[in-house]
Amino acid sequence: MIANTQRYEQKVFEIAKLNNEVKELRSEFVDRRSELMKLKMESTISDKMLEKQIFPSTVPPVKIEVKKEEEKSFFKRIWQ
């Protein structure tokens, strides 16, 4: 009985230790994620690019459209 009680207490302490570790890792994850989001912001990136003498484009992007010609298949020729 005494051995069972000791094992139970060891497991309780181990669970408490693991819960604390999970909380620490979760808070570290949140910190890193917020830091990454700040680094990905357009203003941060543009500031870093200005330091390297890279400026934003003054010409807006243009959408390129490719028109595909209709294929003449064997079956279309037969039915027409």
PDB file of N, CA and C in Angstrom:
ATOM      1  N   MET A   1       0.809  -1.194   0.000  1.00  0.00           N
ATOM      2  CA  MET A   1       0.000   0.000   0.000  1.00  0.00           C
ATOM      3  C   MET A   1       0.862   1.272   0.000  1.00  0.00           C
ATOM      4  N   ILE A   2       1.915   1.218   0.788  1.00  0.00           N
ATOM      5  CA  ILE A   2       2.812   2.375   0.851  1.00  0.00           C
ATOM      6  C   ILE A   2       3.477   2.591  -0.514  1.00  0.00           C
ATOM      7  N   ALA A   3       3.852   1.489  -1.169  1.00  0.00           N
ATOM      8  CA  ALA A   3       4.492   1.595  -2.484  1.00  0.00           C
ATOM      9  C   ALA A   3       3.515   2.191  -3.503  1.00  0.00           C
ATOM     10  N   ASN A   4       2.265   1.789  -3.455  1.00  0.00           N
ATOM     11  CA  ASN A   4       1.265   2.338  -4.366  1.00  0.00           C
ATOM     12  C   ASN A   4       1.078   3.828  -4.152  1.00  0.00           C
ATOM     13  N   THR A   5       1.064   4.250  -2.906  1.00  0.00           N
ATOM     14  CA  THR A   5       0.925   5.676  -2.581  1.00  0.00           C
ATOM     15  C   THR A   5       2.118   6.469  -3.119  1.00  0.00           C
ATOM     16  N   GLN A   6       3.314   5.915  -2.979  1.00  0.00           N
ATOM     17  CA  GLN A   6       4.508   6.603  -3.477  1.00  0.00           C
ATOM     18  C   GLN A   6       4.475   6.715  -5.004  1.00  0.00           C
ATOM     19  N   ARG A   7       4.064   5.636  -5.666  1.00  0.00           N
ATOM     20  CA  ARG A   7       3.966   5.685  -7.132  1.00  0.00           C
ATOM     21  C   ARG A   7       2.927   6.717  -7.573  1.00  0.00           C
ATOM     22  N   TYR A   8       1.818   6.744  -6.855  1.00  0.00           N
ATOM     23  CA  TYR A   8       0.764   7.719  -7.162  1.00  0.00           C
ATOM     24  C   TYR A   8       1.294   9.142  -7.025  1.00  0.00           C
ATOM     25  N   GLU A   9       2.012   9.411  -5.944  1.00  0.00           N
ATOM     26  CA  GLU A   9       2.567  10.755  -5.723  1.00  0.00           C
ATOM     27  C   GLU A   9       3.604  11.096  -6.787  1.00  0.00           C
ATOM     28  N   GLN A  10       4.422  10.115  -7.182  1.00  0.00           N
ATOM     29  CA  GLN A  10       5.409  10.364  -8.237  1.00  0.00           C
ATOM     30  C   GLN A  10       4.720  10.737  -9.544  1.00  0.00           C
ATOM     31  N   LYS A  11       3.641  10.026  -9.854  1.00  0.00           N
ATOM     32  CA  LYS A  11       2.916  10.338 -11.082  1.00  0.00           C
ATOM     33  C   LYS A  11       2.259  11.710 -11.008  1.00  0.00           C
ATOM     34  N   VAL A  12       1.743  12.070  -9.853  1.00  0.00           N
ATOM     35  CA  VAL A  12       1.127  13.399  -9.691  1.00  0.00           C
ATOM     36  C   VAL A  12       2.178  14.477  -9.900  1.00  0.00           C
ATOM     37  N   PHE A  13       3.365  14.297  -9.323  1.00  0.00           N
ATOM     38  CA  PHE A  13       4.435  15.279  -9.499  1.00  0.00           C
ATOM     39  C   PHE A  13       4.884  15.342 -10.959  1.00  0.00           C
ATOM     40  N   GLU A  14       4.961  14.181 -11.610  1.00  0.00           N
ATOM     41  CA  GLU A  14       5.358  14.141 -13.017  1.00  0.00           C
ATOM     42  C   GLU A  14       4.330  14.859 -13.889  1.00  0.00           C
ATOM     43  N   ILE A  15       3.050  14.653 -13.613  1.00  0.00           N
ATOM     44  CA  ILE A  15       1.995  15.321 -14.366  1.00  0.00           C
ATOM     45  C   ILE A  15       2.063  16.828 -14.164  1.00  0.00           C
ATOM     46  N   ALA A  16       2.282  17.274 -12.945  1.00  0.00           N
ATOM     47  CA  ALA A  16       2.392  18.710 -12.667  1.00  0.00           C
ATOM     48  C   ALA A  16       3.588  19.307 -13.403  1.00  0.00           C
ATOM     49  N   LYS A  17       4.700  18.576 -13.398  1.00  0.00           N
ATOM     50  CA  LYS A  17       5.908  19.047 -14.096  1.00  0.00           C
ATOM     51  C   LYS A  17       5.639  19.159 -15.603  1.00  0.00           C
ATOM     52  N   LEU A  18       4.990  18.150 -16.182  1.00  0.00           N
ATOM     53  CA  LEU A  18       4.692  18.177 -17.615  1.00  0.00           C
ATOM     54  C   LEU A  18       3.695  19.282 -17.957  1.00  0.00           C
ATOM     55  N   ASN A  19       2.729  19.523 -17.097  1.00  0.00           N
ATOM     56  CA  ASN A  19       1.776  20.614 -17.331  1.00  0.00           C
ATOM     57  C   ASN A  19       2.479  21.963 -17.350  1.00  0.00           C
ATOM     58  N   ASN A  20       3.417  22.160 -16.438  1.00  0.00           N
ATOM     59  CA  ASN A  20       4.190  23.410 -16.426  1.00  0.00           C
ATOM     60  C   ASN A  20       5.017  23.557 -17.698  1.00  0.00           C
ATOM     61  N   GLU A  21       5.602  22.441 -18.144  1.00  0.00           N
ATOM     62  CA  GLU A  21       6.402  22.481 -19.370  1.00  0.00           C
ATOM     63  C   GLU A  21       5.526  22.817 -20.579  1.00  0.00           C
ATOM     64  N   VAL A  22       4.317  22.261 -20.618  1.00  0.00           N
ATOM     65  CA  VAL A  22       3.391  22.552 -21.714  1.00  0.00           C
ATOM     66  C   VAL A  22       3.030  24.037 -21.711  1.00  0.00           C
ATOM     67  N   LYS A  23       2.774  24.592 -20.543  1.00  0.00           N
ATOM     68  CA  LYS A  23       2.435  26.016 -20.451  1.00  0.00           C
ATOM     69  C   LYS A  23       3.590  26.883 -20.933  1.00  0.00           C
ATOM     70  N   GLU A  24       4.811  26.528 -20.544  1.00  0.00           N
ATOM     71  CA  GLU A  24       5.978  27.298 -20.980  1.00  0.00           C
ATOM     72  C   GLU A  24       6.155  27.216 -22.493  1.00  0.00           C
ATOM     73  N   LEU A  25       6.008  26.019 -23.045  1.00  0.00           N
ATOM     74  CA  LEU A  25       6.170  25.852 -24.494  1.00  0.00           C
ATOM     75  C   LEU A  25       5.073  26.581 -25.255  1.00  0.00           C
ATOM     76  N   ARG A  26       3.861  26.571 -24.729  1.00  0.00           N
ATOM     77  CA  ARG A  26       2.764  27.278 -25.395  1.00  0.00           C
ATOM     78  C   ARG A  26       3.020  28.784 -25.393  1.00  0.00           C
ATOM     79  N   SER A  27       3.488  29.314 -24.263  1.00  0.00           N
ATOM     80  CA  SER A  27       3.760  30.757 -24.215  1.00  0.00           C
ATOM     81  C   SER A  27       4.924  31.122 -25.136  1.00  0.00           C
ATOM     82  N   GLU A  28       5.922  30.253 -25.235  1.00  0.00           N
ATOM     83  CA  GLU A  28       7.029  30.503 -26.155  1.00  0.00           C
ATOM     84  C   GLU A  28       6.535  30.485 -27.607  1.00  0.00           C
ATOM     85  N   PHE A  29       5.632  29.559 -27.913  1.00  0.00           N
ATOM     86  CA  PHE A  29       5.054  29.485 -29.252  1.00  0.00           C
ATOM     87  C   PHE A  29       4.306  30.768 -29.599  1.00  0.00           C
ATOM     88  N   VAL A  30       3.498  31.258 -28.663  1.00  0.00           N
ATOM     89  CA  VAL A  30       2.731  32.479 -28.906  1.00  0.00           C
ATOM     90  C   VAL A  30       3.681  33.660 -29.120  1.00  0.00           C
ATOM     91  N   ASP A  31       4.736  33.733 -28.324  1.00  0.00           N
ATOM     92  CA  ASP A  31       5.713  34.816 -28.479  1.00  0.00           C
ATOM     93  C   ASP A  31       6.369  34.763 -29.859  1.00  0.00           C
ATOM     94  N   ARG A  32       6.789  33.582 -30.268  1.00  0.00           N
ATOM     95  CA  ARG A  32       7.452  33.438 -31.572  1.00  0.00           C
ATOM     96  C   ARG A  32       6.493  33.745 -32.717  1.00  0.00           C
ATOM     97  N   ARG A  33       5.247  33.310 -32.574  1.00  0.00           N
ATOM     98  CA  ARG A  33       4.275  33.566 -33.634  1.00  0.00           C
ATOM     99  C   ARG A  33       4.010  35.059 -33.781  1.00  0.00           C
ATOM    100  N   SER A  34       3.882  35.767 -32.669  1.00  0.00           N
ATOM    101  CA  SER A  34       3.647  37.210 -32.762  1.00  0.00           C
ATOM    102  C   SER A  34       4.872  37.928 -33.327  1.00  0.00           C
ATOM    103  N   GLU A  35       6.049  37.444 -32.978  1.00  0.00           N
ATOM    104  CA  GLU A  35       7.278  38.022 -33.536  1.00  0.00           C
ATOM    105  C   GLU A  35       7.346  37.796 -35.041  1.00  0.00           C
ATOM    106  N   LEU A  36       6.971  36.608 -35.481  1.00  0.00           N
ATOM    107  CA  LEU A  36       6.962  36.303 -36.910  1.00  0.00           C
ATOM    108  C   LEU A  36       5.948  37.164 -37.649  1.00  0.00           C
ATOM    109  N   MET A  37       4.768  37.344 -37.065  1.00  0.00           N
ATOM    110  CA  MET A  37       3.753  38.178 -37.710  1.00  0.00           C
ATOM    111  C   MET A  37       4.235  39.611 -37.855  1.00  0.00           C
ATOM    112  N   LYS A  38       4.960  40.090 -36.853  1.00  0.00           N
ATOM    113  CA  LYS A  38       5.499  41.441 -36.940  1.00  0.00           C
ATOM    114  C   LYS A  38       6.546  41.532 -38.054  1.00  0.00           C
ATOM    115  N   LEU A  39       7.371  40.495 -38.181  1.00  0.00           N
ATOM    116  CA  LEU A  39       8.388  40.504 -39.232  1.00  0.00           C
ATOM    117  C   LEU A  39       7.780  40.407 -40.626  1.00  0.00           C
ATOM    118  N   LYS A  40       6.625  39.779 -40.745  1.00  0.00           N
ATOM    119  CA  LYS A  40       5.980  39.606 -42.043  1.00  0.00           C
ATOM    120  C   LYS A  40       5.156  40.817 -42.465  1.00  0.00           C
ATOM    121  N   MET A  41       5.000  41.788 -41.590  1.00  0.00           N
ATOM    122  CA  MET A  41       4.201  42.964 -41.937  1.00  0.00           C
ATOM    123  C   MET A  41       4.858  43.727 -43.086  1.00  0.00           C
ATOM    124  N   GLU A  42       4.023  44.288 -43.941  1.00  0.00           N
ATOM    125  CA  GLU A  42       4.528  44.992 -45.112  1.00  0.00           C
ATOM    126  C   GLU A  42       5.407  46.178 -44.730  1.00  0.00           C
ATOM    127  N   SER A  43       5.041  46.872 -43.677  1.00  0.00           N
ATOM    128  CA  SER A  43       5.831  48.033 -43.259  1.00  0.00           C
ATOM    129  C   SER A  43       7.233  47.619 -42.812  1.00  0.00           C
ATOM    130  N   THR A  44       7.337  46.513 -42.103  1.00  0.00           N
ATOM    131  CA  THR A  44       8.649  46.041 -41.655  1.00  0.00           C
ATOM    132  C   THR A  44       9.504  45.626 -42.846  1.00  0.00           C
ATOM    133  N   ILE A  45       8.879  44.933 -43.774  1.00  0.00           N
ATOM    134  CA  ILE A  45       9.623  44.481 -44.961  1.00  0.00           C
ATOM    135  C   ILE A  45      10.068  45.664 -45.807  1.00  0.00           C
ATOM    136  N   SER A  46       9.184  46.641 -45.986  1.00  0.00           N
ATOM    137  CA  SER A  46       9.562  47.802 -46.810  1.00  0.00           C
ATOM    138  C   SER A  46      10.683  48.602 -46.146  1.00  0.00           C
ATOM    139  N   ASP A  47      10.668  48.701 -44.817  1.00  0.00           N
ATOM    140  CA  ASP A  47      11.765  49.396 -44.122  1.00  0.00           C
ATOM    141  C   ASP A  47      13.087  48.671 -44.344  1.00  0.00           C
ATOM    142  N   LYS A  48      13.069  47.349 -44.261  1.00  0.00           N
ATOM    143  CA  LYS A  48      14.306  46.583 -44.472  1.00  0.00           C
ATOM    144  C   LYS A  48      14.793  46.720 -45.915  1.00  0.00           C
ATOM    145  N   MET A  49      13.853  46.786 -46.863  1.00  0.00           N
ATOM    146  CA  MET A  49      14.237  46.931 -48.261  1.00  0.00           C
ATOM    147  C   MET A  49      14.812  48.317 -48.533  1.00  0.00           C
ATOM    148  N   LEU A  50      14.277  49.328 -47.886  1.00  0.00           N
ATOM    149  CA  LEU A  50      14.813  50.680 -48.072  1.00  0.00           C
ATOM    150  C   LEU A  50      16.256  50.763 -47.585  1.00  0.00           C
ATOM    151  N   GLU A  51      16.569  50.028 -46.519  1.00  0.00           N
ATOM    152  CA  GLU A  51      17.946  50.004 -46.017  1.00  0.00           C
ATOM    153  C   GLU A  51      18.900  49.434 -47.073  1.00  0.00           C
ATOM    154  N   LYS A  52      18.395  48.528 -47.890  1.00  0.00           N
ATOM    155  CA  LYS A  52      19.220  47.891 -48.923  1.00  0.00           C
ATOM    156  C   LYS A  52      19.079  48.579 -50.274  1.00  0.00           C
ATOM    157  N   GLN A  53      18.457  49.756 -50.274  1.00  0.00           N
ATOM    158  CA  GLN A  53      18.257  50.537 -51.492  1.00  0.00           C
ATOM    159  C   GLN A  53      17.378  49.819 -52.512  1.00  0.00           C
ATOM    160  N   ILE A  54      16.397  49.072 -52.046  1.00  0.00           N
ATOM    161  CA  ILE A  54      15.417  48.426 -52.921  1.00  0.00           C
ATOM    162  C   ILE A  54      14.095  49.127 -52.681  1.00  0.00           C
ATOM    163  N   PHE A  55      13.552  49.719 -53.744  1.00  0.00           N
ATOM    164  CA  PHE A  55      12.351  50.538 -53.605  1.00  0.00           C
ATOM    165  C   PHE A  55      11.138  49.835 -54.192  1.00  0.00           C
ATOM    166  N   PRO A  56       9.945  50.167 -53.708  1.00  0.00           N
ATOM    167  CA  PRO A  56       8.732  49.555 -54.269  1.00  0.00           C
ATOM    168  C   PRO A  56       8.495  50.004 -55.703  1.00  0.00           C
ATOM    169  N   SER A  57       7.834  49.178 -56.454  1.00  0.00           N
ATOM    170  CA  SER A  57       7.563  49.474 -57.853  1.00  0.00           C
ATOM    171  C   SER A  57       6.526  50.582 -57.968  1.00  0.00           C
ATOM    172  N   THR A  58       6.712  51.443 -58.955  1.00  0.00           N
ATOM    173  CA  THR A  58       5.736  52.509 -59.203  1.00  0.00           C
ATOM    174  C   THR A  58       4.721  52.085 -60.249  1.00  0.00           C
ATOM    175  N   VAL A  59       5.023  50.992 -60.954  1.00  0.00           N
ATOM    176  CA  VAL A  59       4.128  50.489 -61.996  1.00  0.00           C
ATOM    177  C   VAL A  59       3.285  49.361 -61.398  1.00  0.00           C
ATOM    178  N   PRO A  60       1.966  49.465 -61.525  1.00  0.00           N
ATOM    179  CA  PRO A  60       1.133  48.388 -60.966  1.00  0.00           C
ATOM    180  C   PRO A  60       1.270  47.093 -61.775  1.00  0.00           C
ATOM    181  N   PRO A  61       1.010  45.973 -61.173  1.00  0.00           N
ATOM    182  CA  PRO A  61       1.120  44.714 -61.906  1.00  0.00           C
ATOM    183  C   PRO A  61       0.044  44.598 -62.977  1.00  0.00           C
ATOM    184  N   VAL A  62       0.350  43.832 -64.008  1.00  0.00           N
ATOM    185  CA  VAL A  62      -0.572  43.641 -65.125  1.00  0.00           C
ATOM    186  C   VAL A  62      -0.951  42.168 -65.178  1.00  0.00           C
ATOM    187  N   LYS A  63      -2.231  41.910 -65.344  1.00  0.00           N
ATOM    188  CA  LYS A  63      -2.699  40.539 -65.434  1.00  0.00           C
ATOM    189  C   LYS A  63      -2.538  40.048 -66.867  1.00  0.00           C
ATOM    190  N   ILE A  64      -1.920  38.899 -67.023  1.00  0.00           N
ATOM    191  CA  ILE A  64      -1.702  38.316 -68.337  1.00  0.00           C
ATOM    192  C   ILE A  64      -2.755  37.241 -68.558  1.00  0.00           C
ATOM    193  N   GLU A  65      -3.503  37.374 -69.637  1.00  0.00           N
ATOM    194  CA  GLU A  65      -4.535  36.396 -69.962  1.00  0.00           C
ATOM    195  C   GLU A  65      -4.109  35.616 -71.192  1.00  0.00           C
ATOM    196  N   VAL A  66      -4.209  34.317 -71.103  1.00  0.00           N
ATOM    197  CA  VAL A  66      -3.868  33.444 -72.216  1.00  0.00           C
ATOM    198  C   VAL A  66      -5.164  32.839 -72.726  1.00  0.00           C
ATOM    199  N   LYS A  67      -5.423  33.044 -74.022  1.00  0.00           N
ATOM    200  CA  LYS A  67      -6.635  32.500 -74.623  1.00  0.00           C
ATOM    201  C   LYS A  67      -6.277  31.207 -75.325  1.00  0.00           C
ATOM    202  N   LYS A  68      -6.988  30.171 -74.954  1.00  0.00           N
ATOM    203  CA  LYS A  68      -6.730  28.864 -75.528  1.00  0.00           C
ATOM    204  C   LYS A  68      -7.669  28.648 -76.718  1.00  0.00           C
ATOM    205  N   GLU A  69      -7.090  28.254 -77.828  1.00  0.00           N
ATOM    206  CA  GLU A  69      -7.903  28.004 -79.013  1.00  0.00           C
ATOM    207  C   GLU A  69      -8.659  26.695 -78.835  1.00  0.00           C
ATOM    208  N   GLU A  70      -9.840  26.651 -79.431  1.00  0.00           N
ATOM    209  CA  GLU A  70     -10.663  25.458 -79.321  1.00  0.00           C
ATOM    210  C   GLU A  70     -10.041  24.352 -80.158  1.00  0.00           C
ATOM    211  N   GLU A  71      -9.920  23.189 -79.563  1.00  0.00           N
ATOM    212  CA  GLU A  71      -9.331  22.063 -80.272  1.00  0.00           C
ATOM    213  C   GLU A  71     -10.391  21.385 -81.142  1.00  0.00           C
ATOM    214  N   LYS A  72      -9.972  20.982 -82.309  1.00  0.00           N
ATOM    215  CA  LYS A  72     -10.882  20.275 -83.207  1.00  0.00           C
ATOM    216  C   LYS A  72     -10.625  18.782 -83.040  1.00  0.00           C
ATOM    217  N   SER A  73     -11.543  18.152 -82.395  1.00  0.00           N
ATOM    218  CA  SER A  73     -11.356  16.725 -82.164  1.00  0.00           C
ATOM    219  C   SER A  73     -12.037  15.913 -83.256  1.00  0.00           C
ATOM    220  N   PHE A  74     -11.721  14.681 -83.297  1.00  0.00           N
ATOM    221  CA  PHE A  74     -12.265  13.765 -84.285  1.00  0.00           C
ATOM    222  C   PHE A  74     -13.781  13.655 -84.155  1.00  0.00           C
ATOM    223  N   PHE A  75     -14.279  13.576 -82.921  1.00  0.00           N
ATOM    224  CA  PHE A  75     -15.705  13.417 -82.689  1.00  0.00           C
ATOM    225  C   PHE A  75     -16.507  14.657 -83.062  1.00  0.00           C
ATOM    226  N   LYS A  76     -15.942  15.817 -82.870  1.00  0.00           N
ATOM    227  CA  LYS A  76     -16.638  17.041 -83.247  1.00  0.00           C
ATOM    228  C   LYS A  76     -16.823  17.104 -84.771  1.00  0.00           C
ATOM    229  N   ARG A  77     -15.825  16.664 -85.507  1.00  0.00           N
ATOM    230  CA  ARG A  77     -15.927  16.698 -86.966  1.00  0.00           C
ATOM    231  C   ARG A  77     -16.991  15.722 -87.468  1.00  0.00           C
ATOM    232  N   ILE A  78     -17.123  14.589 -86.829  1.00  0.00           N
ATOM    233  CA  ILE A  78     -18.104  13.604 -87.250  1.00  0.00           C
ATOM    234  C   ILE A  78     -19.531  14.108 -87.018  1.00  0.00           C
ATOM    235  N   TRP A  79     -19.800  14.717 -85.869  1.00  0.00           N
ATOM    236  CA  TRP A  79     -21.146  15.122 -85.489  1.00  0.00           C
ATOM    237  C   TRP A  79     -21.559  16.444 -86.110  1.00  0.00           C
ATOM    238  N   GLN A  80     -20.669  17.136 -86.720  1.00  0.00           N
ATOM    239  CA  GLN A  80     -21.039  18.444 -87.292  1.00  0.00           C
ATOM    240  C   GLN A  80     -21.399  18.350 -88.741  1.00  0.00           C
TER     241      GLN A  80
END
